[in-house]
């Protein structure tokens, strides 16, 4: 894709809707016609729907560290968050659990962060009766912002920490939400910038080296962060730091992280006494 800056996205959106500019760029980049690009994105949306629709609360990951938690939240009688936010939390958990249980998910932008986008988009579609067409457009928006993040910073935990995975997914989701709610490209950039800024410095510290603890629950954080930042952007709240500069800062922070905090399973929660004990039990060494 040609977009290497959020400013470039804004310029492209001066002629056509942002999602369309991103779709057209995808067609040029892959040498496909509009229908093929759209069909591919539709399939990704369908896969997200199926990952959650086919969730089985009885399944457990091989390590037994993950499973059933999405069902617990969905069936909870607690009234702290309300039905919509509870469903967002449950959907993030469900998708993360599906990934840990080796089920089919959509890496958005990675498998470890696959729960964020569906967590905010699926409950919103169900609540507001939105069409699959609108949600597919939202995925184009997310992809455009994700491409900029990938080109200017990173979407790999091993390179930039969890800010590059769940953080990136949160920024992508925030921008996508603004599109769904009828916001402007300008508001999308600020939603993404705020979501990324809120996750700046988030480390990647998988217990036993598995994409399970704390990864699955961090998807919940990424989803809720995306919602709050989209809400702020739609209300006219802006990021003091432009989105491209936030992404560049994210790259610098990732480069400054020690290796122990970049997916090696050697630092953070993975290095706690309980984390090491779990690793010994799971890995047998």
C-alpha atoms as a PDB file:
ATOM      1  CA  UNK A   1       0.000   0.000   0.000  1.00  0.00           C
ATOM      2  CA  UNK A   2       1.151   3.511  -0.778  1.00  0.00           C
ATOM      3  CA  UNK A   3       0.185   5.150   2.502  1.00  0.00           C
ATOM      4  CA  UNK A   4       3.134   5.808   4.797  1.00  0.00           C
ATOM      5  CA  UNK A   5       1.625   8.682   6.769  1.00  0.00           C
ATOM      6  CA  UNK A   6      -1.686   9.631   8.273  1.00  0.00           C
ATOM      7  CA  UNK A   7      -1.317  12.978   6.536  1.00  0.00           C
ATOM      8  CA  UNK A   8      -1.270  11.010   3.294  1.00  0.00           C
ATOM      9  CA  UNK A   9      -4.511   9.325   4.292  1.00  0.00           C
ATOM     10  CA  UNK A  10      -6.099  12.709   4.923  1.00  0.00           C
ATOM     11  CA  UNK A  11      -4.980  14.021   1.546  1.00  0.00           C
ATOM     12  CA  UNK A  12      -6.444  10.954  -0.179  1.00  0.00           C
ATOM     13  CA  UNK A  13      -9.717  11.484   1.651  1.00  0.00           C
ATOM     14  CA  UNK A  14      -9.988  14.954   0.153  1.00  0.00           C
ATOM     15  CA  UNK A  15     -11.292  13.466  -3.083  1.00  0.00           C
ATOM     16  CA  UNK A  16     -13.263  10.376  -2.001  1.00  0.00           C
ATOM     17  CA  UNK A  17     -14.361   8.770   1.296  1.00  0.00           C
ATOM     18  CA  UNK A  18     -11.344   7.525   3.227  1.00  0.00           C
ATOM     19  CA  UNK A  19     -12.373   3.884   3.109  1.00  0.00           C
ATOM     20  CA  UNK A  20     -12.706   4.122  -0.670  1.00  0.00           C
ATOM     21  CA  UNK A  21      -9.272   5.701  -1.067  1.00  0.00           C
ATOM     22  CA  UNK A  22      -7.807   2.812   0.909  1.00  0.00           C
ATOM     23  CA  UNK A  23      -9.743   0.276  -1.154  1.00  0.00           C
ATOM     24  CA  UNK A  24      -8.575   1.870  -4.400  1.00  0.00           C
ATOM     25  CA  UNK A  25      -4.983   1.810  -3.184  1.00  0.00           C
ATOM     26  CA  UNK A  26      -5.360  -1.876  -2.349  1.00  0.00           C
ATOM     27  CA  UNK A  27      -6.552  -2.527  -5.907  1.00  0.00           C
ATOM     28  CA  UNK A  28      -3.529  -0.754  -7.363  1.00  0.00           C
ATOM     29  CA  UNK A  29      -1.117  -2.433  -4.980  1.00  0.00           C
ATOM     30  CA  UNK A  30      -2.370  -5.976  -5.597  1.00  0.00           C
ATOM     31  CA  UNK A  31      -3.403  -5.496  -9.195  1.00  0.00           C
ATOM     32  CA  UNK A  32      -7.022  -6.505  -8.598  1.00  0.00           C
ATOM     33  CA  UNK A  33     -10.382  -5.034  -9.528  1.00  0.00           C
ATOM     34  CA  UNK A  34     -12.673  -3.333  -7.018  1.00  0.00           C
ATOM     35  CA  UNK A  35     -14.947  -6.365  -6.675  1.00  0.00           C
ATOM     36  CA  UNK A  36     -12.030  -8.626  -5.764  1.00  0.00           C
ATOM     37  CA  UNK A  37     -10.741  -6.242  -3.105  1.00  0.00           C
ATOM     38  CA  UNK A  38     -14.207  -5.853  -1.613  1.00  0.00           C
ATOM     39  CA  UNK A  39     -14.825  -9.612  -1.652  1.00  0.00           C
ATOM     40  CA  UNK A  40     -11.574 -10.209   0.221  1.00  0.00           C
ATOM     41  CA  UNK A  41     -12.471  -7.694   2.912  1.00  0.00           C
ATOM     42  CA  UNK A  42     -15.987  -9.139   3.183  1.00  0.00           C
ATOM     43  CA  UNK A  43     -14.455 -12.562   3.821  1.00  0.00           C
ATOM     44  CA  UNK A  44     -12.374 -11.134   6.659  1.00  0.00           C
ATOM     45  CA  UNK A  45     -15.481  -9.628   8.223  1.00  0.00           C
ATOM     46  CA  UNK A  46     -17.323 -12.946   7.875  1.00  0.00           C
ATOM     47  CA  UNK A  47     -14.395 -14.747   9.511  1.00  0.00           C
ATOM     48  CA  UNK A  48     -14.537 -12.351  12.466  1.00  0.00           C
ATOM     49  CA  UNK A  49     -18.256 -13.021  12.840  1.00  0.00           C
ATOM     50  CA  UNK A  50     -17.725 -16.774  12.680  1.00  0.00           C
ATOM     51  CA  UNK A  51     -14.893 -16.765  15.224  1.00  0.00           C
ATOM     52  CA  UNK A  52     -17.238 -15.294  17.800  1.00  0.00           C
ATOM     53  CA  UNK A  53     -20.382 -17.092  16.615  1.00  0.00           C
ATOM     54  CA  UNK A  54     -18.729 -20.490  16.916  1.00  0.00           C
ATOM     55  CA  UNK A  55     -17.167 -19.800  20.321  1.00  0.00           C
ATOM     56  CA  UNK A  56     -17.305 -22.776  22.664  1.00  0.00           C
ATOM     57  CA  UNK A  57     -16.971 -21.882  26.367  1.00  0.00           C
ATOM     58  CA  UNK A  58     -16.014 -25.474  27.131  1.00  0.00           C
ATOM     59  CA  UNK A  59     -12.806 -25.283  25.105  1.00  0.00           C
ATOM     60  CA  UNK A  60      -9.456 -24.817  26.827  1.00  0.00           C
ATOM     61  CA  UNK A  61      -6.064 -24.080  25.350  1.00  0.00           C
ATOM     62  CA  UNK A  62      -3.432 -26.827  25.474  1.00  0.00           C
ATOM     63  CA  UNK A  63      -1.805 -25.102  28.446  1.00  0.00           C
ATOM     64  CA  UNK A  64      -5.215 -24.816  30.184  1.00  0.00           C
ATOM     65  CA  UNK A  65      -4.398 -21.170  30.923  1.00  0.00           C
ATOM     66  CA  UNK A  66      -7.167 -19.853  28.678  1.00  0.00           C
ATOM     67  CA  UNK A  67     -10.772 -20.780  28.052  1.00  0.00           C
ATOM     68  CA  UNK A  68     -14.327 -20.113  29.164  1.00  0.00           C
ATOM     69  CA  UNK A  69     -13.791 -16.539  30.303  1.00  0.00           C
ATOM     70  CA  UNK A  70     -15.752 -14.944  27.479  1.00  0.00           C
ATOM     71  CA  UNK A  71     -18.718 -17.068  28.459  1.00  0.00           C
ATOM     72  CA  UNK A  72     -18.371 -16.046  32.091  1.00  0.00           C
ATOM     73  CA  UNK A  73     -18.509 -12.349  31.254  1.00  0.00           C
ATOM     74  CA  UNK A  74     -21.374 -12.787  28.808  1.00  0.00           C
ATOM     75  CA  UNK A  75     -23.409 -14.604  31.443  1.00  0.00           C
ATOM     76  CA  UNK A  76     -22.514 -12.251  34.264  1.00  0.00           C
ATOM     77  CA  UNK A  77     -25.246 -10.465  36.184  1.00  0.00           C
ATOM     78  CA  UNK A  78     -22.952  -7.655  37.228  1.00  0.00           C
ATOM     79  CA  UNK A  79     -24.260  -4.254  36.178  1.00  0.00           C
ATOM     80  CA  UNK A  80     -21.093  -2.225  36.434  1.00  0.00           C
ATOM     81  CA  UNK A  81     -20.487  -1.834  32.686  1.00  0.00           C
ATOM     82  CA  UNK A  82     -23.915  -2.257  31.141  1.00  0.00           C
ATOM     83  CA  UNK A  83     -24.937  -4.681  28.373  1.00  0.00           C
ATOM     84  CA  UNK A  84     -23.045  -3.083  25.483  1.00  0.00           C
ATOM     85  CA  UNK A  85     -19.690  -2.744  27.205  1.00  0.00           C
ATOM     86  CA  UNK A  86     -20.088  -6.197  28.743  1.00  0.00           C
ATOM     87  CA  UNK A  87     -20.553  -7.621  25.249  1.00  0.00           C
ATOM     88  CA  UNK A  88     -17.435  -5.765  24.057  1.00  0.00           C
ATOM     89  CA  UNK A  89     -15.431  -7.340  26.875  1.00  0.00           C
ATOM     90  CA  UNK A  90     -16.893 -10.788  26.225  1.00  0.00           C
ATOM     91  CA  UNK A  91     -16.209 -10.577  22.479  1.00  0.00           C
ATOM     92  CA  UNK A  92     -12.571  -9.605  23.008  1.00  0.00           C
ATOM     93  CA  UNK A  93     -12.129 -12.544  25.363  1.00  0.00           C
ATOM     94  CA  UNK A  94     -13.898 -14.953  23.021  1.00  0.00           C
ATOM     95  CA  UNK A  95     -11.721 -14.080  20.062  1.00  0.00           C
ATOM     96  CA  UNK A  96      -8.523 -14.216  22.097  1.00  0.00           C
ATOM     97  CA  UNK A  97      -9.543 -17.585  23.463  1.00  0.00           C
ATOM     98  CA  UNK A  98     -10.299 -18.860  19.956  1.00  0.00           C
ATOM     99  CA  UNK A  99      -6.773 -17.884  18.965  1.00  0.00           C
ATOM    100  CA  UNK A 100      -5.243 -19.639  21.973  1.00  0.00           C
ATOM    101  CA  UNK A 101      -7.340 -22.735  21.236  1.00  0.00           C
ATOM    102  CA  UNK A 102      -6.050 -22.799  17.642  1.00  0.00           C
ATOM    103  CA  UNK A 103      -9.361 -21.821  16.063  1.00  0.00           C
ATOM    104  CA  UNK A 104      -9.728 -19.564  13.020  1.00  0.00           C
ATOM    105  CA  UNK A 105      -9.353 -15.848  13.668  1.00  0.00           C
ATOM    106  CA  UNK A 106      -8.377 -12.759  11.688  1.00  0.00           C
ATOM    107  CA  UNK A 107      -4.980 -11.289  12.527  1.00  0.00           C
ATOM    108  CA  UNK A 108      -5.835  -7.613  12.924  1.00  0.00           C
ATOM    109  CA  UNK A 109      -3.070  -6.686  12.791  1.00  0.00           C
ATOM    110  CA  UNK A 110      -1.712  -9.813  14.525  1.00  0.00           C
ATOM    111  CA  UNK A 111      -3.150 -12.992  16.020  1.00  0.00           C
ATOM    112  CA  UNK A 112      -2.262 -11.797  19.503  1.00  0.00           C
ATOM    113  CA  UNK A 113      -4.341  -8.656  18.977  1.00  0.00           C
ATOM    114  CA  UNK A 114      -7.129 -10.327  16.998  1.00  0.00           C
ATOM    115  CA  UNK A 115      -9.814  -9.641  19.598  1.00  0.00           C
ATOM    116  CA  UNK A 116      -9.803  -5.846  19.506  1.00  0.00           C
ATOM    117  CA  UNK A 117     -11.516  -5.044  16.197  1.00  0.00           C
ATOM    118  CA  UNK A 118     -14.292  -7.648  16.441  1.00  0.00           C
ATOM    119  CA  UNK A 119     -14.854  -6.674  20.079  1.00  0.00           C
ATOM    120  CA  UNK A 120     -15.841  -3.139  19.149  1.00  0.00           C
ATOM    121  CA  UNK A 121     -17.459  -3.726  15.766  1.00  0.00           C
ATOM    122  CA  UNK A 122     -19.617  -6.810  16.310  1.00  0.00           C
ATOM    123  CA  UNK A 123     -21.499  -5.544  19.389  1.00  0.00           C
ATOM    124  CA  UNK A 124     -21.968  -2.157  17.721  1.00  0.00           C
ATOM    125  CA  UNK A 125     -23.428  -3.788  14.613  1.00  0.00           C
ATOM    126  CA  UNK A 126     -25.812  -5.831  16.753  1.00  0.00           C
ATOM    127  CA  UNK A 127     -26.857  -2.838  18.865  1.00  0.00           C
ATOM    128  CA  UNK A 128     -27.468  -0.417  16.014  1.00  0.00           C
ATOM    129  CA  UNK A 129     -28.553  -2.819  13.262  1.00  0.00           C
ATOM    130  CA  UNK A 130     -25.689  -1.780  10.985  1.00  0.00           C
ATOM    131  CA  UNK A 131     -25.125  -3.405   7.617  1.00  0.00           C
ATOM    132  CA  UNK A 132     -22.213  -5.660   6.732  1.00  0.00           C
ATOM    133  CA  UNK A 133     -21.344  -3.078   4.076  1.00  0.00           C
ATOM    134  CA  UNK A 134     -20.665  -0.416   6.696  1.00  0.00           C
ATOM    135  CA  UNK A 135     -18.593  -2.826   8.756  1.00  0.00           C
ATOM    136  CA  UNK A 136     -16.570  -3.833   5.697  1.00  0.00           C
ATOM    137  CA  UNK A 137     -15.883  -0.161   5.029  1.00  0.00           C
ATOM    138  CA  UNK A 138     -14.692   0.105   8.640  1.00  0.00           C
ATOM    139  CA  UNK A 139     -12.205  -2.691   8.044  1.00  0.00           C
ATOM    140  CA  UNK A 140     -10.722  -0.713   5.147  1.00  0.00           C
ATOM    141  CA  UNK A 141     -10.299   2.261   7.464  1.00  0.00           C
ATOM    142  CA  UNK A 142      -8.614   0.054  10.065  1.00  0.00           C
ATOM    143  CA  UNK A 143      -6.352  -1.427   7.394  1.00  0.00           C
ATOM    144  CA  UNK A 144      -5.270   1.993   6.177  1.00  0.00           C
ATOM    145  CA  UNK A 145      -4.241   3.148   9.635  1.00  0.00           C
ATOM    146  CA  UNK A 146      -2.637  -0.219  10.300  1.00  0.00           C
ATOM    147  CA  UNK A 147      -0.534   0.110   7.168  1.00  0.00           C
ATOM    148  CA  UNK A 148       0.785   3.482   8.301  1.00  0.00           C
ATOM    149  CA  UNK A 149       1.624   2.106  11.746  1.00  0.00           C
ATOM    150  CA  UNK A 150       3.372  -0.905  10.218  1.00  0.00           C
ATOM    151  CA  UNK A 151       5.436   1.252   7.871  1.00  0.00           C
ATOM    152  CA  UNK A 152       6.415   3.944  10.385  1.00  0.00           C
ATOM    153  CA  UNK A 153       6.687   1.816  13.542  1.00  0.00           C
ATOM    154  CA  UNK A 154       5.853  -1.891  13.927  1.00  0.00           C
ATOM    155  CA  UNK A 155       3.008  -4.332  14.465  1.00  0.00           C
ATOM    156  CA  UNK A 156       5.258  -7.059  15.911  1.00  0.00           C
ATOM    157  CA  UNK A 157       5.545  -7.648  19.640  1.00  0.00           C
ATOM    158  CA  UNK A 158       9.046  -9.016  19.174  1.00  0.00           C
ATOM    159  CA  UNK A 159      10.074  -5.699  17.661  1.00  0.00           C
ATOM    160  CA  UNK A 160       8.014  -3.090  19.484  1.00  0.00           C
ATOM    161  CA  UNK A 161       6.369  -4.714  22.493  1.00  0.00           C
ATOM    162  CA  UNK A 162       2.621  -5.121  22.985  1.00  0.00           C
ATOM    163  CA  UNK A 163       2.115  -1.471  22.045  1.00  0.00           C
ATOM    164  CA  UNK A 164       2.843  -2.699  18.505  1.00  0.00           C
ATOM    165  CA  UNK A 165       0.145  -5.379  18.692  1.00  0.00           C
ATOM    166  CA  UNK A 166      -2.738  -4.521  21.026  1.00  0.00           C
ATOM    167  CA  UNK A 167      -1.784  -0.840  20.850  1.00  0.00           C
ATOM    168  CA  UNK A 168      -1.861  -0.840  17.058  1.00  0.00           C
ATOM    169  CA  UNK A 169      -5.138  -2.770  17.030  1.00  0.00           C
ATOM    170  CA  UNK A 170      -6.628  -0.242  19.443  1.00  0.00           C
ATOM    171  CA  UNK A 171      -5.641   2.679  17.221  1.00  0.00           C
ATOM    172  CA  UNK A 172      -7.012   0.922  14.145  1.00  0.00           C
ATOM    173  CA  UNK A 173     -10.262   0.114  15.959  1.00  0.00           C
ATOM    174  CA  UNK A 174     -10.682   3.666  17.227  1.00  0.00           C
ATOM    175  CA  UNK A 175     -10.433   5.033  13.693  1.00  0.00           C
ATOM    176  CA  UNK A 176     -12.824   2.365  12.396  1.00  0.00           C
ATOM    177  CA  UNK A 177     -15.372   3.236  15.080  1.00  0.00           C
ATOM    178  CA  UNK A 178     -15.315   6.894  14.123  1.00  0.00           C
ATOM    179  CA  UNK A 179     -16.090   5.906  10.541  1.00  0.00           C
ATOM    180  CA  UNK A 180     -19.003   3.708  11.600  1.00  0.00           C
ATOM    181  CA  UNK A 181     -20.450   6.525  13.678  1.00  0.00           C
ATOM    182  CA  UNK A 182     -20.275   8.994  10.798  1.00  0.00           C
ATOM    183  CA  UNK A 183     -17.194  10.900  11.903  1.00  0.00           C
ATOM    184  CA  UNK A 184     -14.711  12.694   9.670  1.00  0.00           C
ATOM    185  CA  UNK A 185     -11.249  11.504   8.577  1.00  0.00           C
ATOM    186  CA  UNK A 186      -9.828  14.283  10.768  1.00  0.00           C
ATOM    187  CA  UNK A 187     -11.609  12.764  13.782  1.00  0.00           C
ATOM    188  CA  UNK A 188     -10.374   9.294  12.802  1.00  0.00           C
ATOM    189  CA  UNK A 189      -6.766  10.472  12.968  1.00  0.00           C
ATOM    190  CA  UNK A 190      -7.267  11.933  16.438  1.00  0.00           C
ATOM    191  CA  UNK A 191      -9.030   8.813  17.704  1.00  0.00           C
ATOM    192  CA  UNK A 192      -6.130   6.691  16.478  1.00  0.00           C
ATOM    193  CA  UNK A 193      -3.535   9.072  17.926  1.00  0.00           C
ATOM    194  CA  UNK A 194      -5.147   9.075  21.376  1.00  0.00           C
ATOM    195  CA  UNK A 195      -5.534   5.290  21.415  1.00  0.00           C
ATOM    196  CA  UNK A 196      -1.885   4.797  20.495  1.00  0.00           C
ATOM    197  CA  UNK A 197      -0.733   7.399  23.014  1.00  0.00           C
ATOM    198  CA  UNK A 198      -2.664   5.619  25.771  1.00  0.00           C
ATOM    199  CA  UNK A 199      -0.859   2.343  25.064  1.00  0.00           C
ATOM    200  CA  UNK A 200       2.593   3.811  24.503  1.00  0.00           C
ATOM    201  CA  UNK A 201       5.205   1.691  26.257  1.00  0.00           C
ATOM    202  CA  UNK A 202       3.004  -1.384  26.685  1.00  0.00           C
ATOM    203  CA  UNK A 203       5.372  -4.319  27.016  1.00  0.00           C
ATOM    204  CA  UNK A 204       5.100  -7.803  25.541  1.00  0.00           C
ATOM    205  CA  UNK A 205       5.652 -10.269  28.403  1.00  0.00           C
ATOM    206  CA  UNK A 206       3.872 -13.559  27.567  1.00  0.00           C
ATOM    207  CA  UNK A 207       3.899 -16.042  30.423  1.00  0.00           C
ATOM    208  CA  UNK A 208       5.573 -19.273  29.277  1.00  0.00           C
ATOM    209  CA  UNK A 209       6.070 -17.608  25.908  1.00  0.00           C
ATOM    210  CA  UNK A 210       2.450 -18.283  24.955  1.00  0.00           C
ATOM    211  CA  UNK A 211      -0.006 -15.810  23.408  1.00  0.00           C
ATOM    212  CA  UNK A 212      -2.385 -16.311  26.324  1.00  0.00           C
ATOM    213  CA  UNK A 213      -1.446 -14.547  29.580  1.00  0.00           C
ATOM    214  CA  UNK A 214      -1.717 -11.568  29.686  1.00  0.00           C
ATOM    215  CA  UNK A 215      -2.424 -11.264  25.954  1.00  0.00           C
ATOM    216  CA  UNK A 216      -6.089 -12.275  25.882  1.00  0.00           C
ATOM    217  CA  UNK A 217      -7.138  -9.827  28.587  1.00  0.00           C
ATOM    218  CA  UNK A 218      -5.063  -7.068  27.038  1.00  0.00           C
ATOM    219  CA  UNK A 219      -7.349  -7.333  24.023  1.00  0.00           C
ATOM    220  CA  UNK A 220     -10.137  -6.219  26.353  1.00  0.00           C
ATOM    221  CA  UNK A 221      -8.107  -3.188  27.355  1.00  0.00           C
ATOM    222  CA  UNK A 222      -7.391  -2.375  23.713  1.00  0.00           C
ATOM    223  CA  UNK A 223     -11.076  -2.569  22.814  1.00  0.00           C
ATOM    224  CA  UNK A 224     -12.264  -0.380  25.703  1.00  0.00           C
ATOM    225  CA  UNK A 225      -9.480   2.105  24.974  1.00  0.00           C
ATOM    226  CA  UNK A 226     -10.596   2.290  21.335  1.00  0.00           C
ATOM    227  CA  UNK A 227     -14.171   3.002  22.398  1.00  0.00           C
ATOM    228  CA  UNK A 228     -13.190   5.796  24.752  1.00  0.00           C
ATOM    229  CA  UNK A 229     -10.873   7.435  22.222  1.00  0.00           C
ATOM    230  CA  UNK A 230     -13.450   7.229  19.435  1.00  0.00           C
ATOM    231  CA  UNK A 231     -16.008   8.759  21.790  1.00  0.00           C
ATOM    232  CA  UNK A 232     -13.647  11.620  22.594  1.00  0.00           C
ATOM    233  CA  UNK A 233     -12.781  12.234  18.948  1.00  0.00           C
ATOM    234  CA  UNK A 234     -16.446  12.265  17.925  1.00  0.00           C
ATOM    235  CA  UNK A 235     -17.096  14.839  20.653  1.00  0.00           C
ATOM    236  CA  UNK A 236     -14.403  17.093  19.221  1.00  0.00           C
ATOM    237  CA  UNK A 237     -11.564  16.179  21.570  1.00  0.00           C
ATOM    238  CA  UNK A 238      -8.218  16.182  19.769  1.00  0.00           C
ATOM    239  CA  UNK A 239      -4.760  14.785  20.329  1.00  0.00           C
ATOM    240  CA  UNK A 240      -2.181  17.443  21.159  1.00  0.00           C
ATOM    241  CA  UNK A 241       0.383  15.394  19.234  1.00  0.00           C
ATOM    242  CA  UNK A 242      -0.346  14.639  15.546  1.00  0.00           C
ATOM    243  CA  UNK A 243      -0.979  10.988  14.758  1.00  0.00           C
ATOM    244  CA  UNK A 244       2.158  10.541  12.635  1.00  0.00           C
ATOM    245  CA  UNK A 245       4.281  11.904  15.470  1.00  0.00           C
ATOM    246  CA  UNK A 246       2.610   9.556  17.945  1.00  0.00           C
ATOM    247  CA  UNK A 247       3.419   6.643  15.642  1.00  0.00           C
ATOM    248  CA  UNK A 248       7.036   7.808  15.349  1.00  0.00           C
ATOM    249  CA  UNK A 249       7.223   8.039  19.144  1.00  0.00           C
ATOM    250  CA  UNK A 250       5.851   4.517  19.331  1.00  0.00           C
ATOM    251  CA  UNK A 251       8.717   3.350  17.115  1.00  0.00           C
ATOM    252  CA  UNK A 252      11.283   5.123  19.314  1.00  0.00           C
ATOM    253  CA  UNK A 253       9.793   3.644  22.496  1.00  0.00           C
ATOM    254  CA  UNK A 254       9.809   0.164  20.959  1.00  0.00           C
ATOM    255  CA  UNK A 255      13.446   0.530  19.943  1.00  0.00           C
ATOM    256  CA  UNK A 256      14.317   1.576  23.498  1.00  0.00           C
ATOM    257  CA  UNK A 257      12.651  -1.445  25.103  1.00  0.00           C
ATOM    258  CA  UNK A 258      14.986  -4.116  26.456  1.00  0.00           C
ATOM    259  CA  UNK A 259      14.761  -7.519  24.796  1.00  0.00           C
ATOM    260  CA  UNK A 260      13.240  -8.966  27.962  1.00  0.00           C
ATOM    261  CA  UNK A 261      10.088  -6.932  27.322  1.00  0.00           C
ATOM    262  CA  UNK A 262       9.688  -7.807  23.644  1.00  0.00           C
ATOM    263  CA  UNK A 263       7.988 -11.209  23.434  1.00  0.00           C
ATOM    264  CA  UNK A 264      10.875 -13.218  24.833  1.00  0.00           C
ATOM    265  CA  UNK A 265       8.965 -14.312  27.921  1.00  0.00           C
ATOM    266  CA  UNK A 266      11.878 -13.159  30.076  1.00  0.00           C
ATOM    267  CA  UNK A 267      10.529 -10.007  31.722  1.00  0.00           C
ATOM    268  CA  UNK A 268       7.411  -8.378  33.116  1.00  0.00           C
ATOM    269  CA  UNK A 269       4.676 -10.798  34.214  1.00  0.00           C
ATOM    270  CA  UNK A 270       6.579 -13.695  32.683  1.00  0.00           C
ATOM    271  CA  UNK A 271       9.426 -13.108  35.150  1.00  0.00           C
ATOM    272  CA  UNK A 272       7.286 -13.108  38.294  1.00  0.00           C
ATOM    273  CA  UNK A 273       7.546 -16.126  40.616  1.00  0.00           C
ATOM    274  CA  UNK A 274       4.121 -17.343  39.529  1.00  0.00           C
ATOM    275  CA  UNK A 275       4.922 -16.661  35.879  1.00  0.00           C
ATOM    276  CA  UNK A 276       8.077 -18.745  36.103  1.00  0.00           C
ATOM    277  CA  UNK A 277       6.200 -21.500  37.933  1.00  0.00           C
ATOM    278  CA  UNK A 278       3.549 -21.603  35.217  1.00  0.00           C
ATOM    279  CA  UNK A 279       6.276 -21.807  32.575  1.00  0.00           C
ATOM    280  CA  UNK A 280       7.841 -24.759  34.360  1.00  0.00           C
ATOM    281  CA  UNK A 281       4.498 -26.532  34.545  1.00  0.00           C
ATOM    282  CA  UNK A 282       3.537 -25.837  30.951  1.00  0.00           C
ATOM    283  CA  UNK A 283       6.911 -26.313  29.332  1.00  0.00           C
ATOM    284  CA  UNK A 284       8.296 -28.911  31.709  1.00  0.00           C
ATOM    285  CA  UNK A 285      11.532 -27.125  32.298  1.00  0.00           C
END
